């Protein structure tokens, strides 16, 4: 499987994957296997403004907690998009610099 195939699948099913990720976070948290105090993505720490008592998993509070999880997923996705845009900009700048250098070498050779 190429990275393009995986990336295409992820892009085509973004909403469903975000929903699945939110559900997985909820189940793991409800079982006490994780806390949502700090979220790590690609080695980047993201500060969460919630203590352990802010996520009571009683039936009446599950909807509110679900919105918190969805917000965390949204923030993570936004950060990933920002990082990708920065990476693309750096690649474009490097490519432009290589092209200028190549044109300069060709002009000097003439």
PDB file of N, CA and C in Angstrom:
ATOM      1  N   UNK A   1       0.852  -1.172   0.000  1.00  0.00           N
ATOM      2  CA  UNK A   1       0.000   0.000   0.000  1.00  0.00           C
ATOM      3  C   UNK A   1       0.896   1.233   0.000  1.00  0.00           C
ATOM      4  N   UNK A   2       0.639   2.134  -0.896  1.00  0.00           N
ATOM      5  CA  UNK A   2       1.445   3.349  -0.960  1.00  0.00           C
ATOM      6  C   UNK A   2       0.886   4.405  -0.007  1.00  0.00           C
ATOM      7  N   UNK A   3       1.713   5.397   0.278  1.00  0.00           N
ATOM      8  CA  UNK A   3       1.258   6.471   1.167  1.00  0.00           C
ATOM      9  C   UNK A   3       0.127   7.264   0.519  1.00  0.00           C
ATOM     10  N   UNK A   4       0.101   7.317  -0.802  1.00  0.00           N
ATOM     11  CA  UNK A   4      -0.964   8.041  -1.498  1.00  0.00           C
ATOM     12  C   UNK A   4      -2.316   7.342  -1.333  1.00  0.00           C
ATOM     13  N   UNK A   5      -2.307   6.017  -1.365  1.00  0.00           N
ATOM     14  CA  UNK A   5      -3.546   5.257  -1.170  1.00  0.00           C
ATOM     15  C   UNK A   5      -4.100   5.501   0.225  1.00  0.00           C
ATOM     16  N   UNK A   6      -3.225   5.425   1.217  1.00  0.00           N
ATOM     17  CA  UNK A   6      -3.638   5.646   2.599  1.00  0.00           C
ATOM     18  C   UNK A   6      -4.122   7.074   2.803  1.00  0.00           C
ATOM     19  N   UNK A   7      -3.393   8.033   2.242  1.00  0.00           N
ATOM     20  CA  UNK A   7      -3.772   9.438   2.375  1.00  0.00           C
ATOM     21  C   UNK A   7      -5.115   9.704   1.688  1.00  0.00           C
ATOM     22  N   UNK A   8      -5.317   9.098   0.515  1.00  0.00           N
ATOM     23  CA  UNK A   8      -6.584   9.269  -0.192  1.00  0.00           C
ATOM     24  C   UNK A   8      -7.749   8.704   0.592  1.00  0.00           C
ATOM     25  N   UNK A   9      -7.551   7.518   1.184  1.00  0.00           N
ATOM     26  CA  UNK A   9      -8.600   6.917   2.008  1.00  0.00           C
ATOM     27  C   UNK A   9      -8.929   7.822   3.178  1.00  0.00           C
ATOM     28  N   UNK A  10      -7.880   8.336   3.829  1.00  0.00           N
ATOM     29  CA  UNK A  10      -8.082   9.213   4.987  1.00  0.00           C
ATOM     30  C   UNK A  10      -8.836  10.483   4.588  1.00  0.00           C
ATOM     31  N   UNK A  11      -8.469  11.065   3.448  1.00  0.00           N
ATOM     32  CA  UNK A  11      -9.140  12.285   2.992  1.00  0.00           C
ATOM     33  C   UNK A  11     -10.591  12.020   2.600  1.00  0.00           C
ATOM     34  N   UNK A  12     -10.826  10.902   1.931  1.00  0.00           N
ATOM     35  CA  UNK A  12     -12.178  10.579   1.473  1.00  0.00           C
ATOM     36  C   UNK A  12     -13.126  10.239   2.618  1.00  0.00           C
ATOM     37  N   UNK A  13     -12.591   9.765   3.740  1.00  0.00           N
ATOM     38  CA  UNK A  13     -13.422   9.309   4.861  1.00  0.00           C
ATOM     39  C   UNK A  13     -13.155  10.103   6.135  1.00  0.00           C
ATOM     40  N   UNK A  14     -12.778  11.366   5.990  1.00  0.00           N
ATOM     41  CA  UNK A  14     -12.376  12.190   7.118  1.00  0.00           C
ATOM     42  C   UNK A  14     -13.448  12.268   8.209  1.00  0.00           C
ATOM     43  N   UNK A  15     -14.679  12.536   7.853  1.00  0.00           N
ATOM     44  CA  UNK A  15     -15.748  12.690   8.844  1.00  0.00           C
ATOM     45  C   UNK A  15     -15.980  11.387   9.609  1.00  0.00           C
ATOM     46  N   UNK A  16     -16.035  10.286   8.891  1.00  0.00           N
ATOM     47  CA  UNK A  16     -16.274   8.987   9.542  1.00  0.00           C
ATOM     48  C   UNK A  16     -15.102   8.618  10.451  1.00  0.00           C
ATOM     49  N   UNK A  17     -13.874   8.883  10.011  1.00  0.00           N
ATOM     50  CA  UNK A  17     -12.703   8.557  10.834  1.00  0.00           C
ATOM     51  C   UNK A  17     -12.630   9.442  12.076  1.00  0.00           C
ATOM     52  N   UNK A  18     -12.982  10.712  11.929  1.00  0.00           N
ATOM     53  CA  UNK A  18     -13.020  11.603  13.098  1.00  0.00           C
ATOM     54  C   UNK A  18     -14.045  11.112  14.113  1.00  0.00           C
ATOM     55  N   UNK A  19     -15.220  10.693  13.623  1.00  0.00           N
ATOM     56  CA  UNK A  19     -16.261  10.184  14.509  1.00  0.00           C
ATOM     57  C   UNK A  19     -15.798   8.897  15.199  1.00  0.00           C
ATOM     58  N   UNK A  20     -15.163   8.009  14.448  1.00  0.00           N
ATOM     59  CA  UNK A  20     -14.651   6.764  15.021  1.00  0.00           C
ATOM     60  C   UNK A  20     -13.598   7.059  16.088  1.00  0.00           C
ATOM     61  N   UNK A  21     -12.693   7.997  15.805  1.00  0.00           N
ATOM     62  CA  UNK A  21     -11.647   8.359  16.762  1.00  0.00           C
ATOM     63  C   UNK A  21     -12.264   8.927  18.035  1.00  0.00           C
ATOM     64  N   UNK A  22     -13.294   9.754  17.885  1.00  0.00           N
ATOM     65  CA  UNK A  22     -13.997  10.318  19.041  1.00  0.00           C
ATOM     66  C   UNK A  22     -14.628   9.215  19.880  1.00  0.00           C
ATOM     67  N   UNK A  23     -15.250   8.231  19.224  1.00  0.00           N
ATOM     68  CA  UNK A  23     -15.864   7.118  19.948  1.00  0.00           C
ATOM     69  C   UNK A  23     -14.819   6.274  20.680  1.00  0.00           C
ATOM     70  N   UNK A  24     -13.685   6.036  20.029  1.00  0.00           N
ATOM     71  CA  UNK A  24     -12.616   5.250  20.655  1.00  0.00           C
ATOM     72  C   UNK A  24     -12.080   5.973  21.886  1.00  0.00           C
ATOM     73  N   UNK A  25     -11.865   7.291  21.764  1.00  0.00           N
ATOM     74  CA  UNK A  25     -11.417   8.065  22.927  1.00  0.00           C
ATOM     75  C   UNK A  25     -12.414   7.947  24.075  1.00  0.00           C
ATOM     76  N   UNK A  26     -13.701   8.033  23.752  1.00  0.00           N
ATOM     77  CA  UNK A  26     -14.736   7.933  24.776  1.00  0.00           C
ATOM     78  C   UNK A  26     -14.740   6.577  25.462  1.00  0.00           C
ATOM     79  N   UNK A  27     -14.633   5.503  24.691  1.00  0.00           N
ATOM     80  CA  UNK A  27     -14.636   4.159  25.275  1.00  0.00           C
ATOM     81  C   UNK A  27     -13.401   3.928  26.144  1.00  0.00           C
ATOM     82  N   UNK A  28     -12.226   4.336  25.654  1.00  0.00           N
ATOM     83  CA  UNK A  28     -11.002   4.142  26.436  1.00  0.00           C
ATOM     84  C   UNK A  28     -11.038   4.944  27.726  1.00  0.00           C
ATOM     85  N   UNK A  29     -11.554   6.147  27.643  1.00  0.00           N
ATOM     86  CA  UNK A  29     -11.653   6.995  28.831  1.00  0.00           C
ATOM     87  C   UNK A  29     -12.675   6.421  29.816  1.00  0.00           C
ATOM     88  N   UNK A  30     -13.803   5.944  29.303  1.00  0.00           N
ATOM     89  CA  UNK A  30     -14.845   5.376  30.169  1.00  0.00           C
ATOM     90  C   UNK A  30     -14.340   4.144  30.909  1.00  0.00           C
ATOM     91  N   UNK A  31     -13.450   3.389  30.290  1.00  0.00           N
ATOM     92  CA  UNK A  31     -12.889   2.196  30.925  1.00  0.00           C
ATOM     93  C   UNK A  31     -11.700   2.533  31.831  1.00  0.00           C
ATOM     94  N   UNK A  32     -11.332   3.806  31.883  1.00  0.00           N
ATOM     95  CA  UNK A  32     -10.221   4.217  32.734  1.00  0.00           C
ATOM     96  C   UNK A  32      -8.852   3.880  32.163  1.00  0.00           C
ATOM     97  N   UNK A  33      -8.797   3.569  30.879  1.00  0.00           N
ATOM     98  CA  UNK A  33      -7.525   3.209  30.257  1.00  0.00           C
ATOM     99  C   UNK A  33      -6.705   4.430  29.844  1.00  0.00           C
ATOM    100  N   UNK A  34      -7.375   5.537  29.608  1.00  0.00           N
ATOM    101  CA  UNK A  34      -6.695   6.785  29.277  1.00  0.00           C
ATOM    102  C   UNK A  34      -7.375   7.915  30.024  1.00  0.00           C
ATOM    103  N   UNK A  35      -6.657   9.019  30.118  1.00  0.00           N
ATOM    104  CA  UNK A  35      -7.269  10.263  30.583  1.00  0.00           C
ATOM    105  C   UNK A  35      -7.130  11.250  29.444  1.00  0.00           C
ATOM    106  N   UNK A  36      -7.973  12.244  29.446  1.00  0.00           N
ATOM    107  CA  UNK A  36      -7.914  13.254  28.394  1.00  0.00           C
ATOM    108  C   UNK A  36      -7.268  14.533  28.912  1.00  0.00           C
ATOM    109  N   UNK A  37      -6.386  14.369  29.872  1.00  0.00           N
ATOM    110  CA  UNK A  37      -5.696  15.541  30.416  1.00  0.00           C
ATOM    111  C   UNK A  37      -4.690  16.096  29.429  1.00  0.00           C
ATOM    112  N   UNK A  38      -3.902  15.250  28.825  1.00  0.00           N
ATOM    113  CA  UNK A  38      -2.910  15.671  27.839  1.00  0.00           C
ATOM    114  C   UNK A  38      -3.043  14.769  26.628  1.00  0.00           C
ATOM    115  N   UNK A  39      -3.076  15.378  25.444  1.00  0.00           N
ATOM    116  CA  UNK A  39      -3.184  14.620  24.208  1.00  0.00           C
ATOM    117  C   UNK A  39      -1.876  14.800  23.450  1.00  0.00           C
ATOM    118  N   UNK A  40      -1.321  13.707  22.942  1.00  0.00           N
ATOM    119  CA  UNK A  40      -0.088  13.751  22.170  1.00  0.00           C
ATOM    120  C   UNK A  40      -0.392  13.405  20.723  1.00  0.00           C
ATOM    121  N   UNK A  41       0.114  14.206  19.822  1.00  0.00           N
ATOM    122  CA  UNK A  41      -0.044  13.925  18.395  1.00  0.00           C
ATOM    123  C   UNK A  41       1.285  14.211  17.720  1.00  0.00           C
ATOM    124  N   UNK A  42       1.833  13.205  17.077  1.00  0.00           N
ATOM    125  CA  UNK A  42       3.123  13.360  16.407  1.00  0.00           C
ATOM    126  C   UNK A  42       4.180  13.909  17.357  1.00  0.00           C
ATOM    127  N   UNK A  43       4.127  13.512  18.605  1.00  0.00           N
ATOM    128  CA  UNK A  43       5.121  13.960  19.570  1.00  0.00           C
ATOM    129  C   UNK A  43       4.884  15.368  20.091  1.00  0.00           C
ATOM    130  N   UNK A  44       3.818  16.014  19.671  1.00  0.00           N
ATOM    131  CA  UNK A  44       3.527  17.375  20.101  1.00  0.00           C
ATOM    132  C   UNK A  44       2.540  17.329  21.250  1.00  0.00           C
ATOM    133  N   UNK A  45       2.899  17.950  22.380  1.00  0.00           N
ATOM    134  CA  UNK A  45       1.987  17.984  23.519  1.00  0.00           C
ATOM    135  C   UNK A  45       0.970  19.099  23.325  1.00  0.00           C
ATOM    136  N   UNK A  46      -0.265  18.771  23.664  1.00  0.00           N
ATOM    137  CA  UNK A  46      -1.339  19.740  23.565  1.00  0.00           C
ATOM    138  C   UNK A  46      -1.951  19.877  24.948  1.00  0.00           C
ATOM    139  N   UNK A  47      -1.927  21.088  25.462  1.00  0.00           N
ATOM    140  CA  UNK A  47      -2.424  21.314  26.811  1.00  0.00           C
ATOM    141  C   UNK A  47      -3.942  21.188  26.846  1.00  0.00           C
ATOM    142  N   UNK A  48      -4.412  20.434  27.792  1.00  0.00           N
ATOM    143  CA  UNK A  48      -5.853  20.302  28.001  1.00  0.00           C
ATOM    144  C   UNK A  48      -6.217  21.032  29.279  1.00  0.00           C
ATOM    145  N   UNK A  49      -7.319  21.720  29.275  1.00  0.00           N
ATOM    146  CA  UNK A  49      -7.753  22.491  30.436  1.00  0.00           C
ATOM    147  C   UNK A  49      -8.800  21.723  31.235  1.00  0.00           C
ATOM    148  N   UNK A  50      -8.525  20.471  31.529  1.00  0.00           N
ATOM    149  CA  UNK A  50      -9.508  19.665  32.248  1.00  0.00           C
ATOM    150  C   UNK A  50      -8.804  18.755  33.234  1.00  0.00           C
ATOM    151  N   UNK A  51      -9.355  18.678  34.408  1.00  0.00           N
ATOM    152  CA  UNK A  51      -8.856  17.735  35.395  1.00  0.00           C
ATOM    153  C   UNK A  51      -9.665  16.450  35.312  1.00  0.00           C
ATOM    154  N   UNK A  52      -9.270  15.480  36.087  1.00  0.00           N
ATOM    155  CA  UNK A  52      -9.957  14.202  36.076  1.00  0.00           C
ATOM    156  C   UNK A  52     -11.428  14.315  36.455  1.00  0.00           C
ATOM    157  N   UNK A  53     -11.772  15.287  37.312  1.00  0.00           N
ATOM    158  CA  UNK A  53     -13.164  15.423  37.735  1.00  0.00           C
ATOM    159  C   UNK A  53     -14.033  16.114  36.684  1.00  0.00           C
ATOM    160  N   UNK A  54     -13.447  16.583  35.600  1.00  0.00           N
ATOM    161  CA  UNK A  54     -14.218  17.244  34.555  1.00  0.00           C
ATOM    162  C   UNK A  54     -14.803  16.260  33.546  1.00  0.00           C
ATOM    163  N   UNK A  55     -14.476  14.992  33.676  1.00  0.00           N
ATOM    164  CA  UNK A  55     -14.985  14.012  32.734  1.00  0.00           C
ATOM    165  C   UNK A  55     -15.751  12.909  33.462  1.00  0.00           C
ATOM    166  N   UNK A  56     -16.821  13.264  34.160  1.00  0.00           N
ATOM    167  CA  UNK A  56     -17.615  12.209  34.804  1.00  0.00           C
ATOM    168  C   UNK A  56     -18.403  11.472  33.735  1.00  0.00           C
ATOM    169  N   UNK A  57     -18.237  10.172  33.668  1.00  0.00           N
ATOM    170  CA  UNK A  57     -18.835   9.394  32.586  1.00  0.00           C
ATOM    171  C   UNK A  57     -20.201   8.831  32.973  1.00  0.00           C
ATOM    172  N   UNK A  58     -20.970   9.616  33.695  1.00  0.00           N
ATOM    173  CA  UNK A  58     -22.334   9.184  33.973  1.00  0.00           C
ATOM    174  C   UNK A  58     -23.170   9.373  32.711  1.00  0.00           C
ATOM    175  N   UNK A  59     -24.289   8.701  32.650  1.00  0.00           N
ATOM    176  CA  UNK A  59     -25.126   8.750  31.448  1.00  0.00           C
ATOM    177  C   UNK A  59     -25.541  10.179  31.089  1.00  0.00           C
ATOM    178  N   UNK A  60     -25.866  10.993  32.076  1.00  0.00           N
ATOM    179  CA  UNK A  60     -26.352  12.339  31.767  1.00  0.00           C
ATOM    180  C   UNK A  60     -25.254  13.259  31.237  1.00  0.00           C
ATOM    181  N   UNK A  61     -23.978  12.922  31.481  1.00  0.00           N
ATOM    182  CA  UNK A  61     -22.893  13.794  31.042  1.00  0.00           C
ATOM    183  C   UNK A  61     -22.151  13.286  29.812  1.00  0.00           C
ATOM    184  N   UNK A  62     -22.539  12.171  29.265  1.00  0.00           N
ATOM    185  CA  UNK A  62     -21.820  11.620  28.110  1.00  0.00           C
ATOM    186  C   UNK A  62     -21.906  12.527  26.893  1.00  0.00           C
ATOM    187  N   UNK A  63     -23.034  13.152  26.666  1.00  0.00           N
ATOM    188  CA  UNK A  63     -23.185  14.036  25.506  1.00  0.00           C
ATOM    189  C   UNK A  63     -22.234  15.220  25.583  1.00  0.00           C
ATOM    190  N   UNK A  64     -22.134  15.843  26.761  1.00  0.00           N
ATOM    191  CA  UNK A  64     -21.231  16.984  26.922  1.00  0.00           C
ATOM    192  C   UNK A  64     -19.784  16.555  26.744  1.00  0.00           C
ATOM    193  N   UNK A  65     -19.420  15.409  27.290  1.00  0.00           N
ATOM    194  CA  UNK A  65     -18.060  14.921  27.150  1.00  0.00           C
ATOM    195  C   UNK A  65     -17.764  14.576  25.698  1.00  0.00           C
ATOM    196  N   UNK A  66     -18.760  14.088  24.986  1.00  0.00           N
ATOM    197  CA  UNK A  66     -18.584  13.784  23.565  1.00  0.00           C
ATOM    198  C   UNK A  66     -18.241  15.035  22.783  1.00  0.00           C
ATOM    199  N   UNK A  67     -18.861  16.150  23.145  1.00  0.00           N
ATOM    200  CA  UNK A  67     -18.542  17.397  22.444  1.00  0.00           C
ATOM    201  C   UNK A  67     -17.118  17.841  22.759  1.00  0.00           C
ATOM    202  N   UNK A  68     -16.655  17.577  23.959  1.00  0.00           N
ATOM    203  CA  UNK A  68     -15.263  17.898  24.307  1.00  0.00           C
ATOM    204  C   UNK A  68     -14.301  17.059  23.475  1.00  0.00           C
ATOM    205  N   UNK A  69     -14.614  15.771  23.343  1.00  0.00           N
ATOM    206  CA  UNK A  69     -13.754  14.889  22.538  1.00  0.00           C
ATOM    207  C   UNK A  69     -13.752  15.339  21.083  1.00  0.00           C
ATOM    208  N   UNK A  70     -14.941  15.679  20.570  1.00  0.00           N
ATOM    209  CA  UNK A  70     -15.011  16.154  19.185  1.00  0.00           C
ATOM    210  C   UNK A  70     -14.191  17.426  19.012  1.00  0.00           C
ATOM    211  N   UNK A  71     -14.218  18.307  19.997  1.00  0.00           N
ATOM    212  CA  UNK A  71     -13.434  19.548  19.919  1.00  0.00           C
ATOM    213  C   UNK A  71     -11.945  19.237  19.913  1.00  0.00           C
ATOM    214  N   UNK A  72     -11.519  18.263  20.730  1.00  0.00           N
ATOM    215  CA  UNK A  72     -10.107  17.884  20.729  1.00  0.00           C
ATOM    216  C   UNK A  72      -9.697  17.318  19.384  1.00  0.00           C
ATOM    217  N   UNK A  73     -10.548  16.502  18.781  1.00  0.00           N
ATOM    218  CA  UNK A  73     -10.252  15.952  17.456  1.00  0.00           C
ATOM    219  C   UNK A  73     -10.167  17.084  16.439  1.00  0.00           C
ATOM    220  N   UNK A  74     -11.090  18.060  16.532  1.00  0.00           N
ATOM    221  CA  UNK A  74     -11.067  19.200  15.613  1.00  0.00           C
ATOM    222  C   UNK A  74      -9.768  19.991  15.750  1.00  0.00           C
ATOM    223  N   UNK A  75      -9.341  20.226  16.996  1.00  0.00           N
ATOM    224  CA  UNK A  75      -8.097  20.970  17.235  1.00  0.00           C
ATOM    225  C   UNK A  75      -6.900  20.205  16.676  1.00  0.00           C
ATOM    226  N   UNK A  76      -6.858  18.908  16.907  1.00  0.00           N
ATOM    227  CA  UNK A  76      -5.759  18.096  16.371  1.00  0.00           C
ATOM    228  C   UNK A  76      -5.727  18.145  14.849  1.00  0.00           C
ATOM    229  N   UNK A  77      -6.893  18.054  14.220  1.00  0.00           N
ATOM    230  CA  UNK A  77      -6.950  18.123  12.766  1.00  0.00           C
ATOM    231  C   UNK A  77      -6.490  19.484  12.254  1.00  0.00           C
ATOM    232  N   UNK A  78      -6.880  20.545  12.926  1.00  0.00           N
ATOM    233  CA  UNK A  78      -6.473  21.890  12.518  1.00  0.00           C
ATOM    234  C   UNK A  78      -4.959  22.045  12.633  1.00  0.00           C
ATOM    235  N   UNK A  79      -4.382  21.541  13.716  1.00  0.00           N
ATOM    236  CA  UNK A  79      -2.939  21.622  13.881  1.00  0.00           C
ATOM    237  C   UNK A  79      -2.213  20.828  12.803  1.00  0.00           C
ATOM    238  N   UNK A  80      -2.742  19.662  12.463  1.00  0.00           N
ATOM    239  CA  UNK A  80      -2.134  18.854  11.408  1.00  0.00           C
ATOM    240  C   UNK A  80      -2.195  19.580  10.067  1.00  0.00           C
ATOM    241  N   UNK A  81      -3.323  20.223   9.784  1.00  0.00           N
ATOM    242  CA  UNK A  81      -3.452  20.984   8.533  1.00  0.00           C
ATOM    243  C   UNK A  81      -2.467  22.146   8.502  1.00  0.00           C
ATOM    244  N   UNK A  82      -2.320  22.861   9.628  1.00  0.00           N
ATOM    245  CA  UNK A  82      -1.375  23.971   9.696  1.00  0.00           C
ATOM    246  C   UNK A  82       0.049  23.496   9.471  1.00  0.00           C
ATOM    247  N   UNK A  83       0.413  22.360  10.090  1.00  0.00           N
ATOM    248  CA  UNK A  83       1.751  21.816   9.914  1.00  0.00           C
ATOM    249  C   UNK A  83       1.983  21.414   8.464  1.00  0.00           C
ATOM    250  N   UNK A  84       0.967  20.842   7.821  1.00  0.00           N
ATOM    251  CA  UNK A  84       1.098  20.437   6.420  1.00  0.00           C
ATOM    252  C   UNK A  84       1.271  21.657   5.524  1.00  0.00           C
ATOM    253  N   UNK A  85       0.541  22.730   5.795  1.00  0.00           N
ATOM    254  CA  UNK A  85       0.676  23.947   5.007  1.00  0.00           C
ATOM    255  C   UNK A  85       2.082  24.536   5.155  1.00  0.00           C
ATOM    256  N   UNK A  86       2.611  24.548   6.380  1.00  0.00           N
ATOM    257  CA  UNK A  86       3.970  25.043   6.589  1.00  0.00           C
ATOM    258  C   UNK A  86       4.993  24.182   5.861  1.00  0.00           C
ATOM    259  N   UNK A  87       4.819  22.868   5.927  1.00  0.00           N
ATOM    260  CA  UNK A  87       5.733  21.944   5.250  1.00  0.00           C
ATOM    261  C   UNK A  87       5.683  22.161   3.743  1.00  0.00           C
ATOM    262  N   UNK A  88       4.484  22.337   3.192  1.00  0.00           N
ATOM    263  CA  UNK A  88       4.342  22.583   1.761  1.00  0.00           C
ATOM    264  C   UNK A  88       4.996  23.894   1.353  1.00  0.00           C
ATOM    265  N   UNK A  89       4.839  24.917   2.177  1.00  0.00           N
ATOM    266  CA  UNK A  89       5.459  26.214   1.878  1.00  0.00           C
ATOM    267  C   UNK A  89       6.981  26.094   1.882  1.00  0.00           C
ATOM    268  N   UNK A  90       7.535  25.372   2.867  1.00  0.00           N
ATOM    269  CA  UNK A  90       8.995  25.195   2.919  1.00  0.00           C
ATOM    270  C   UNK A  90       9.497  24.423   1.704  1.00  0.00           C
ATOM    271  N   UNK A  91       8.751  23.395   1.295  1.00  0.00           N
ATOM    272  CA  UNK A  91       9.140  22.612   0.108  1.00  0.00           C
ATOM    273  C   UNK A  91       9.111  23.483  -1.139  1.00  0.00           C
ATOM    274  N   UNK A  92       8.085  24.330  -1.260  1.00  0.00           N
ATOM    275  CA  UNK A  92       7.983  25.223  -2.416  1.00  0.00           C
ATOM    276  C   UNK A  92       9.141  26.211  -2.450  1.00  0.00           C
ATOM    277  N   UNK A  93       9.492  26.749  -1.294  1.00  0.00           N
ATOM    278  CA  UNK A  93      10.616  27.690  -1.230  1.00  0.00           C
ATOM    279  C   UNK A  93      11.923  27.003  -1.597  1.00  0.00           C
ATOM    280  N   UNK A  94      12.125  25.796  -1.114  1.00  0.00           N
ATOM    281  CA  UNK A  94      13.357  25.061  -1.425  1.00  0.00           C
ATOM    282  C   UNK A  94      13.414  24.732  -2.915  1.00  0.00           C
ATOM    283  N   UNK A  95      12.284  24.336  -3.504  1.00  0.00           N
ATOM    284  CA  UNK A  95      12.239  24.025  -4.932  1.00  0.00           C
ATOM    285  C   UNK A  95      12.544  25.275  -5.753  1.00  0.00           C
ATOM    286  N   UNK A  96      11.969  26.423  -5.365  1.00  0.00           N
ATOM    287  CA  UNK A  96      12.229  27.679  -6.075  1.00  0.00           C
ATOM    288  C   UNK A  96      13.707  28.054  -5.981  1.00  0.00           C
ATOM    289  N   UNK A  97      14.313  27.844  -4.833  1.00  0.00           N
ATOM    290  CA  UNK A  97      15.737  28.156  -4.668  1.00  0.00           C
ATOM    291  C   UNK A  97      16.592  27.258  -5.562  1.00  0.00           C
ATOM    292  N   UNK A  98      16.241  25.968  -5.643  1.00  0.00           N
ATOM    293  CA  UNK A  98      16.987  25.049  -6.520  1.00  0.00           C
ATOM    294  C   UNK A  98      16.845  25.460  -7.977  1.00  0.00           C
ATOM    295  N   UNK A  99      15.642  25.862  -8.369  1.00  0.00           N
ATOM    296  CA  UNK A  99      15.416  26.282  -9.753  1.00  0.00           C
ATOM    297  C   UNK A  99      16.204  27.548 -10.076  1.00  0.00           C
ATOM    298  N   UNK A 100      16.253  28.508  -9.158  1.00  0.00           N
ATOM    299  CA  UNK A 100      17.034  29.733  -9.380  1.00  0.00           C
ATOM    300  C   UNK A 100      18.515  29.406  -9.525  1.00  0.00           C
ATOM    301  N   UNK A 101      19.003  28.519  -8.654  1.00  0.00           N
ATOM    302  CA  UNK A 101      20.411  28.126  -8.714  1.00  0.00           C
ATOM    303  C   UNK A 101      20.722  27.442 -10.039  1.00  0.00           C
ATOM    304  N   UNK A 102      19.809  26.599 -10.492  1.00  0.00           N
ATOM    305  CA  UNK A 102      20.002  25.904 -11.764  1.00  0.00           C
ATOM    306  C   UNK A 102      20.034  26.891 -12.926  1.00  0.00           C
ATOM    307  N   UNK A 103      19.119  27.862 -12.929  1.00  0.00           N
ATOM    308  CA  UNK A 103      19.102  28.874 -13.988  1.00  0.00           C
ATOM    309  C   UNK A 103      20.364  29.728 -13.960  1.00  0.00           C
ATOM    310  N   UNK A 104      20.817  30.053 -12.747  1.00  0.00           N
ATOM    311  CA  UNK A 104      22.037  30.848 -12.615  1.00  0.00           C
ATOM    312  C   UNK A 104      23.245  30.080 -13.152  1.00  0.00           C
ATOM    313  N   UNK A 105      23.327  28.794 -12.828  1.00  0.00           N
ATOM    314  CA  UNK A 105      24.432  27.969 -13.344  1.00  0.00           C
ATOM    315  C   UNK A 105      24.377  27.888 -14.866  1.00  0.00           C
ATOM    316  N   UNK A 106      23.168  27.730 -15.410  1.00  0.00           N
ATOM    317  CA  UNK A 106      23.037  27.666 -16.869  1.00  0.00           C
ATOM    318  C   UNK A 106      23.438  28.993 -17.515  1.00  0.00           C
ATOM    319  N   UNK A 107      23.072  30.111 -16.887  1.00  0.00           N
ATOM    320  CA  UNK A 107      23.440  31.418 -17.429  1.00  0.00           C
ATOM    321  C   UNK A 107      24.942  31.629 -17.368  1.00  0.00           C
ATOM    322  N   UNK A 108      25.560  31.202 -16.283  1.00  0.00           N
ATOM    323  CA  UNK A 108      27.016  31.334 -16.146  1.00  0.00           C
ATOM    324  C   UNK A 108      27.748  30.461 -17.172  1.00  0.00           C
ATOM    325  N   UNK A 109      27.178  29.303 -17.461  1.00  0.00           N
ATOM    326  CA  UNK A 109      27.810  28.404 -18.423  1.00  0.00           C
ATOM    327  C   UNK A 109      27.758  28.988 -19.827  1.00  0.00           C
ATOM    328  N   UNK A 110      26.738  29.776 -20.161  1.00  0.00           N
ATOM    329  CA  UNK A 110      26.616  30.397 -21.487  1.00  0.00           C
ATOM    330  C   UNK A 110      27.619  31.513 -21.589  1.00  0.00           C
TER     331      UNK A 110
END
